PDB file of N, CA and C in Angstrom:
ATOM      1  N   MET A   1       0.852  -1.175   0.000  1.00  0.00           N
ATOM      2  CA  MET A   1       0.000   0.000   0.000  1.00  0.00           C
ATOM      3  C   MET A   1       0.895   1.233   0.000  1.00  0.00           C
ATOM      4  N   THR A   2       0.573   2.199  -0.815  1.00  0.00           N
ATOM      5  CA  THR A   2       1.327   3.452  -0.862  1.00  0.00           C
ATOM      6  C   THR A   2       0.419   4.605  -0.437  1.00  0.00           C
ATOM      7  N   TYR A   3       1.034   5.618   0.110  1.00  0.00           N
ATOM      8  CA  TYR A   3       0.300   6.792   0.564  1.00  0.00           C
ATOM      9  C   TYR A   3       0.874   8.030  -0.096  1.00  0.00           C
ATOM     10  N   LEU A   4      -0.002   8.913  -0.474  1.00  0.00           N
ATOM     11  CA  LEU A   4       0.393  10.209  -1.001  1.00  0.00           C
ATOM     12  C   LEU A   4      -0.248  11.246  -0.093  1.00  0.00           C
ATOM     13  N   GLY A   5       0.555  12.101   0.507  1.00  0.00           N
ATOM     14  CA  GLY A   5       0.010  13.126   1.394  1.00  0.00           C
ATOM     15  C   GLY A   5       0.619  14.479   1.093  1.00  0.00           C
ATOM     16  N   PHE A   6      -0.186  15.508   1.166  1.00  0.00           N
ATOM     17  CA  PHE A   6       0.329  16.858   1.008  1.00  0.00           C
ATOM     18  C   PHE A   6      -0.583  17.831   1.735  1.00  0.00           C
ATOM     19  N   PHE A   7       0.001  18.966   2.079  1.00  0.00           N
ATOM     20  CA  PHE A   7      -0.724  19.985   2.822  1.00  0.00           C
ATOM     21  C   PHE A   7      -1.516  20.875   1.871  1.00  0.00           C
ATOM     22  N   ILE A   8      -2.703  21.279   2.325  1.00  0.00           N
ATOM     23  CA  ILE A   8      -3.506  22.253   1.597  1.00  0.00           C
ATOM     24  C   ILE A   8      -3.847  23.391   2.555  1.00  0.00           C
ATOM     25  N   ASN A   9      -4.437  24.420   2.077  1.00  0.00           N
ATOM     26  CA  ASN A   9      -4.764  25.615   2.875  1.00  0.00           C
ATOM     27  C   ASN A   9      -3.515  26.308   3.405  1.00  0.00           C
ATOM     28  N   THR A  10      -2.443  26.270   2.643  1.00  0.00           N
ATOM     29  CA  THR A  10      -1.205  26.916   3.071  1.00  0.00           C
ATOM     30  C   THR A  10      -1.402  28.418   3.241  1.00  0.00           C
ATOM     31  N   LEU A  11      -2.174  29.031   2.366  1.00  0.00           N
ATOM     32  CA  LEU A  11      -2.389  30.481   2.456  1.00  0.00           C
ATOM     33  C   LEU A  11      -3.157  30.874   3.709  1.00  0.00           C
ATOM     34  N   LEU A  12      -3.988  29.965   4.216  1.00  0.00           N
ATOM     35  CA  LEU A  12      -4.781  30.267   5.404  1.00  0.00           C
ATOM     36  C   LEU A  12      -4.077  29.909   6.719  1.00  0.00           C
ATOM     37  N   LEU A  13      -2.921  29.261   6.637  1.00  0.00           N
ATOM     38  CA  LEU A  13      -2.240  28.816   7.854  1.00  0.00           C
ATOM     39  C   LEU A  13      -1.970  29.945   8.851  1.00  0.00           C
ATOM     40  N   PRO A  14      -1.457  31.108   8.440  1.00  0.00           N
ATOM     41  CA  PRO A  14      -1.219  32.166   9.432  1.00  0.00           C
ATOM     42  C   PRO A  14      -2.506  32.583  10.171  1.00  0.00           C
ATOM     43  N   ALA A  15      -3.610  32.707   9.456  1.00  0.00           N
ATOM     44  CA  ALA A  15      -4.875  33.095  10.101  1.00  0.00           C
ATOM     45  C   ALA A  15      -5.368  32.006  11.035  1.00  0.00           C
ATOM     46  N   VAL A  16      -5.240  30.763  10.630  1.00  0.00           N
ATOM     47  CA  VAL A  16      -5.669  29.645  11.476  1.00  0.00           C
ATOM     48  C   VAL A  16      -4.811  29.590  12.743  1.00  0.00           C
ATOM     49  N   ALA A  17      -3.505  29.739  12.592  1.00  0.00           N
ATOM     50  CA  ALA A  17      -2.600  29.700  13.748  1.00  0.00           C
ATOM     51  C   ALA A  17      -2.912  30.828  14.723  1.00  0.00           C
ATOM     52  N   LEU A  18      -3.149  32.028  14.211  1.00  0.00           N
ATOM     53  CA  LEU A  18      -3.483  33.155  15.090  1.00  0.00           C
ATOM     54  C   LEU A  18      -4.805  32.928  15.821  1.00  0.00           C
ATOM     55  N   ALA A  19      -5.811  32.446  15.114  1.00  0.00           N
ATOM     56  CA  ALA A  19      -7.114  32.208  15.729  1.00  0.00           C
ATOM     57  C   ALA A  19      -7.018  31.147  16.816  1.00  0.00           C
ATOM     58  N   ARG A  20      -6.284  30.083  16.560  1.00  0.00           N
ATOM     59  CA  ARG A  20      -6.147  29.020  17.563  1.00  0.00           C
ATOM     60  C   ARG A  20      -5.332  29.485  18.767  1.00  0.00           C
ATOM     61  N   ALA A  21      -4.281  30.273  18.519  1.00  0.00           N
ATOM     62  CA  ALA A  21      -3.487  30.810  19.631  1.00  0.00           C
ATOM     63  C   ALA A  21      -4.338  31.744  20.491  1.00  0.00           C
ATOM     64  N   TRP A  22      -5.155  32.579  19.869  1.00  0.00           N
ATOM     65  CA  TRP A  22      -6.029  33.493  20.598  1.00  0.00           C
ATOM     66  C   TRP A  22      -7.019  32.708  21.457  1.00  0.00           C
ATOM     67  N   LYS A  23      -7.569  31.637  20.905  1.00  0.00           N
ATOM     68  CA  LYS A  23      -8.514  30.809  21.659  1.00  0.00           C
ATOM     69  C   LYS A  23      -7.827  30.185  22.879  1.00  0.00           C
ATOM     70  N   ARG A  24      -6.604  29.734  22.710  1.00  0.00           N
ATOM     71  CA  ARG A  24      -5.880  29.134  23.838  1.00  0.00           C
ATOM     72  C   ARG A  24      -5.597  30.160  24.921  1.00  0.00           C
ATOM     73  N   LEU A  25      -5.208  31.368  24.504  1.00  0.00           N
ATOM     74  CA  LEU A  25      -4.933  32.427  25.479  1.00  0.00           C
ATOM     75  C   LEU A  25      -6.178  32.777  26.287  1.00  0.00           C
ATOM     76  N   ARG A  26      -7.338  32.719  25.650  1.00  0.00           N
ATOM     77  CA  ARG A  26      -8.600  33.011  26.332  1.00  0.00           C
ATOM     78  C   ARG A  26      -9.103  31.831  27.154  1.00  0.00           C
ATOM     79  N   GLY A  27      -8.471  30.660  26.990  1.00  0.00           N
ATOM     80  CA  GLY A  27      -8.907  29.476  27.711  1.00  0.00           C
ATOM     81  C   GLY A  27     -10.108  28.799  27.073  1.00  0.00           C
ATOM     82  N   ASP A  28     -10.361  29.102  25.815  1.00  0.00           N
ATOM     83  CA  ASP A  28     -11.495  28.533  25.091  1.00  0.00           C
ATOM     84  C   ASP A  28     -11.085  27.175  24.531  1.00  0.00           C
ATOM     85  N   GLY A  29     -11.702  26.104  25.014  1.00  0.00           N
ATOM     86  CA  GLY A  29     -11.355  24.759  24.568  1.00  0.00           C
ATOM     87  C   GLY A  29     -12.321  24.197  23.546  1.00  0.00           C
ATOM     88  N   SER A  30     -13.153  25.041  22.944  1.00  0.00           N
ATOM     89  CA  SER A  30     -14.143  24.552  21.993  1.00  0.00           C
ATOM     90  C   SER A  30     -13.482  24.167  20.668  1.00  0.00           C
ATOM     91  N   HIS A  31     -14.224  23.461  19.852  1.00  0.00           N
ATOM     92  CA  HIS A  31     -13.712  23.011  18.556  1.00  0.00           C
ATOM     93  C   HIS A  31     -13.756  24.138  17.521  1.00  0.00           C
ATOM     94  N   ASP A  32     -13.182  23.861  16.356  1.00  0.00           N
ATOM     95  CA  ASP A  32     -13.111  24.848  15.271  1.00  0.00           C
ATOM     96  C   ASP A  32     -14.150  24.590  14.190  1.00  0.00           C
ATOM     97  N   LEU A  33     -15.182  23.843  14.474  1.00  0.00           N
ATOM     98  CA  LEU A  33     -16.118  23.426  13.439  1.00  0.00           C
ATOM     99  C   LEU A  33     -17.278  24.386  13.205  1.00  0.00           C
ATOM    100  N   ASP A  34     -17.409  25.407  14.030  1.00  0.00           N
ATOM    101  CA  ASP A  34     -18.481  26.382  13.824  1.00  0.00           C
ATOM    102  C   ASP A  34     -18.164  27.270  12.621  1.00  0.00           C
ATOM    103  N   ARG A  35     -19.184  27.592  11.859  1.00  0.00           N
ATOM    104  CA  ARG A  35     -19.011  28.469  10.702  1.00  0.00           C
ATOM    105  C   ARG A  35     -18.796  29.896  11.193  1.00  0.00           C
ATOM    106  N   PRO A  36     -17.811  30.607  10.635  1.00  0.00           N
ATOM    107  CA  PRO A  36     -17.591  31.990  11.053  1.00  0.00           C
ATOM    108  C   PRO A  36     -18.700  32.894  10.533  1.00  0.00           C
ATOM    109  N   PRO A  37     -18.744  34.135  10.994  1.00  0.00           N
ATOM    110  CA  PRO A  37     -19.733  35.087  10.476  1.00  0.00           C
ATOM    111  C   PRO A  37     -19.632  35.188   8.948  1.00  0.00           C
ATOM    112  N   ALA A  38     -20.721  35.555   8.304  1.00  0.00           N
ATOM    113  CA  ALA A  38     -20.809  35.557   6.841  1.00  0.00           C
ATOM    114  C   ALA A  38     -19.706  36.370   6.169  1.00  0.00           C
ATOM    115  N   VAL A  39     -19.398  37.537   6.698  1.00  0.00           N
ATOM    116  CA  VAL A  39     -18.371  38.391   6.082  1.00  0.00           C
ATOM    117  C   VAL A  39     -17.007  37.705   6.142  1.00  0.00           C
ATOM    118  N   MET A  40     -16.677  37.148   7.301  1.00  0.00           N
ATOM    119  CA  MET A  40     -15.399  36.461   7.451  1.00  0.00           C
ATOM    120  C   MET A  40     -15.365  35.191   6.595  1.00  0.00           C
ATOM    121  N   ASN A  41     -16.475  34.483   6.543  1.00  0.00           N
ATOM    122  CA  ASN A  41     -16.544  33.266   5.742  1.00  0.00           C
ATOM    123  C   ASN A  41     -16.309  33.580   4.264  1.00  0.00           C
ATOM    124  N   GLU A  42     -16.867  34.670   3.777  1.00  0.00           N
ATOM    125  CA  GLU A  42     -16.665  35.075   2.380  1.00  0.00           C
ATOM    126  C   GLU A  42     -15.205  35.430   2.125  1.00  0.00           C
ATOM    127  N   ALA A  43     -14.590  36.149   3.048  1.00  0.00           N
ATOM    128  CA  ALA A  43     -13.179  36.516   2.892  1.00  0.00           C
ATOM    129  C   ALA A  43     -12.299  35.271   2.881  1.00  0.00           C
ATOM    130  N   LEU A  44     -12.560  34.336   3.766  1.00  0.00           N
ATOM    131  CA  LEU A  44     -11.780  33.093   3.809  1.00  0.00           C
ATOM    132  C   LEU A  44     -11.995  32.263   2.548  1.00  0.00           C
ATOM    133  N   ALA A  45     -13.217  32.260   2.039  1.00  0.00           N
ATOM    134  CA  ALA A  45     -13.504  31.531   0.798  1.00  0.00           C
ATOM    135  C   ALA A  45     -12.713  32.118  -0.368  1.00  0.00           C
ATOM    136  N   ARG A  46     -12.579  33.435  -0.398  1.00  0.00           N
ATOM    137  CA  ARG A  46     -11.812  34.070  -1.482  1.00  0.00           C
ATOM    138  C   ARG A  46     -10.326  33.734  -1.372  1.00  0.00           C
ATOM    139  N   VAL A  47      -9.793  33.716  -0.160  1.00  0.00           N
ATOM    140  CA  VAL A  47      -8.396  33.332   0.024  1.00  0.00           C
ATOM    141  C   VAL A  47      -8.197  31.873  -0.390  1.00  0.00           C
ATOM    142  N   PHE A  48      -9.125  31.010   0.019  1.00  0.00           N
ATOM    143  CA  PHE A  48      -9.037  29.599  -0.349  1.00  0.00           C
ATOM    144  C   PHE A  48      -9.095  29.441  -1.866  1.00  0.00           C
ATOM    145  N   ALA A  49      -9.879  30.258  -2.547  1.00  0.00           N
ATOM    146  CA  ALA A  49      -9.990  30.191  -4.002  1.00  0.00           C
ATOM    147  C   ALA A  49      -8.686  30.578  -4.686  1.00  0.00           C
ATOM    148  N   LEU A  50      -7.839  31.339  -4.015  1.00  0.00           N
ATOM    149  CA  LEU A  50      -6.537  31.696  -4.587  1.00  0.00           C
ATOM    150  C   LEU A  50      -5.660  30.478  -4.809  1.00  0.00           C
ATOM    151  N   ALA A  51      -5.963  29.387  -4.145  1.00  0.00           N
ATOM    152  CA  ALA A  51      -5.175  28.168  -4.320  1.00  0.00           C
ATOM    153  C   ALA A  51      -5.184  27.721  -5.772  1.00  0.00           C
ATOM    154  N   ALA A  52      -6.218  28.071  -6.504  1.00  0.00           N
ATOM    155  CA  ALA A  52      -6.303  27.688  -7.917  1.00  0.00           C
ATOM    156  C   ALA A  52      -5.285  28.436  -8.770  1.00  0.00           C
ATOM    157  N   VAL A  53      -4.852  29.610  -8.331  1.00  0.00           N
ATOM    158  CA  VAL A  53      -3.897  30.381  -9.125  1.00  0.00           C
ATOM    159  C   VAL A  53      -2.477  30.305  -8.577  1.00  0.00           C
ATOM    160  N   VAL A  54      -2.312  29.755  -7.382  1.00  0.00           N
ATOM    161  CA  VAL A  54      -0.979  29.575  -6.817  1.00  0.00           C
ATOM    162  C   VAL A  54      -0.334  28.408  -7.562  1.00  0.00           C
ATOM    163  N   PRO A  55       0.919  28.545  -7.942  1.00  0.00           N
ATOM    164  CA  PRO A  55       1.570  27.457  -8.668  1.00  0.00           C
ATOM    165  C   PRO A  55       1.476  26.139  -7.889  1.00  0.00           C
ATOM    166  N   ARG A  56       1.282  25.061  -8.619  1.00  0.00           N
ATOM    167  CA  ARG A  56       1.168  23.738  -7.997  1.00  0.00           C
ATOM    168  C   ARG A  56       2.539  23.268  -7.514  1.00  0.00           C
ATOM    169  N   CYS A  57       2.761  23.412  -6.242  1.00  0.00           N
ATOM    170  CA  CYS A  57       3.984  22.900  -5.635  1.00  0.00           C
ATOM    171  C   CYS A  57       3.641  22.444  -4.227  1.00  0.00           C
ATOM    172  N   ARG A  58       4.348  21.471  -3.776  1.00  0.00           N
ATOM    173  CA  ARG A  58       4.084  20.945  -2.437  1.00  0.00           C
ATOM    174  C   ARG A  58       4.715  21.859  -1.400  1.00  0.00           C
ATOM    175  N   MET A  59       3.884  22.305  -0.485  1.00  0.00           N
ATOM    176  CA  MET A  59       4.362  23.184   0.573  1.00  0.00           C
ATOM    177  C   MET A  59       4.633  22.338   1.820  1.00  0.00           C
ATOM    178  N   PRO A  60       5.609  22.730   2.639  1.00  0.00           N
ATOM    179  CA  PRO A  60       5.940  21.924   3.814  1.00  0.00           C
ATOM    180  C   PRO A  60       4.973  22.087   4.982  1.00  0.00           C
ATOM    181  N   VAL A  61       4.059  23.058   4.901  1.00  0.00           N
ATOM    182  CA  VAL A  61       3.102  23.296   5.977  1.00  0.00           C
ATOM    183  C   VAL A  61       1.756  23.679   5.384  1.00  0.00           C
ATOM    184  N   GLY A  62       0.723  23.570   6.201  1.00  0.00           N
ATOM    185  CA  GLY A  62      -0.610  23.965   5.767  1.00  0.00           C
ATOM    186  C   GLY A  62      -1.591  23.755   6.903  1.00  0.00           C
ATOM    187  N   ALA A  63      -2.798  24.224   6.739  1.00  0.00           N
ATOM    188  CA  ALA A  63      -3.818  24.090   7.776  1.00  0.00           C
ATOM    189  C   ALA A  63      -4.537  22.744   7.689  1.00  0.00           C
ATOM    190  N   SER A  64      -4.399  22.038   6.574  1.00  0.00           N
ATOM    191  CA  SER A  64      -5.040  20.744   6.382  1.00  0.00           C
ATOM    192  C   SER A  64      -4.070  19.803   5.679  1.00  0.00           C
ATOM    193  N   LEU A  65      -4.203  18.528   5.976  1.00  0.00           N
ATOM    194  CA  LEU A  65      -3.380  17.509   5.335  1.00  0.00           C
ATOM    195  C   LEU A  65      -4.293  16.599   4.544  1.00  0.00           C
ATOM    196  N   LEU A  66      -4.010  16.445   3.274  1.00  0.00           N
ATOM    197  CA  LEU A  66      -4.769  15.553   2.406  1.00  0.00           C
ATOM    198  C   LEU A  66      -3.924  14.312   2.167  1.00  0.00           C
ATOM    199  N   VAL A  67      -4.493  13.144   2.463  1.00  0.00           N
ATOM    200  CA  VAL A  67      -3.772  11.887   2.285  1.00  0.00           C
ATOM    201  C   VAL A  67      -4.611  10.951   1.444  1.00  0.00           C
ATOM    202  N   VAL A  68      -3.958  10.337   0.465  1.00  0.00           N
ATOM    203  CA  VAL A  68      -4.620   9.350  -0.404  1.00  0.00           C
ATOM    204  C   VAL A  68      -3.829   8.057  -0.285  1.00  0.00           C
ATOM    205  N   GLY A  69      -4.535   6.972   0.007  1.00  0.00           N
ATOM    206  CA  GLY A  69      -3.898   5.659   0.085  1.00  0.00           C
ATOM    207  C   GLY A  69      -4.305   4.803  -1.099  1.00  0.00           C
ATOM    208  N   ARG A  70      -3.354   4.052  -1.639  1.00  0.00           N
ATOM    209  CA  ARG A  70      -3.640   3.166  -2.775  1.00  0.00           C
ATOM    210  C   ARG A  70      -3.152   1.767  -2.447  1.00  0.00           C
ATOM    211  N   ARG A  71      -3.872   0.824  -2.935  1.00  0.00           N
ATOM    212  CA  ARG A  71      -3.514  -0.562  -2.719  1.00  0.00           C
ATOM    213  C   ARG A  71      -2.862  -1.137  -3.926  1.00  0.00           C
TER     214      ARG A  71
END
């Protein structure tokens, strides 16, 4: 079995890291699954859409890890 893994959401990593650090400083232990306010969600969607124009290269970090396994 082989695995292919790479990071996605590299452009959003700084914002995700800041938001999570802020939550820890406040002592908030809740999950990150709640949808943000509409304005912020639209801004994040536009940043995520930039991934289509960023050159295809594997980045060493990201906010999400995509893994595909093959048999």
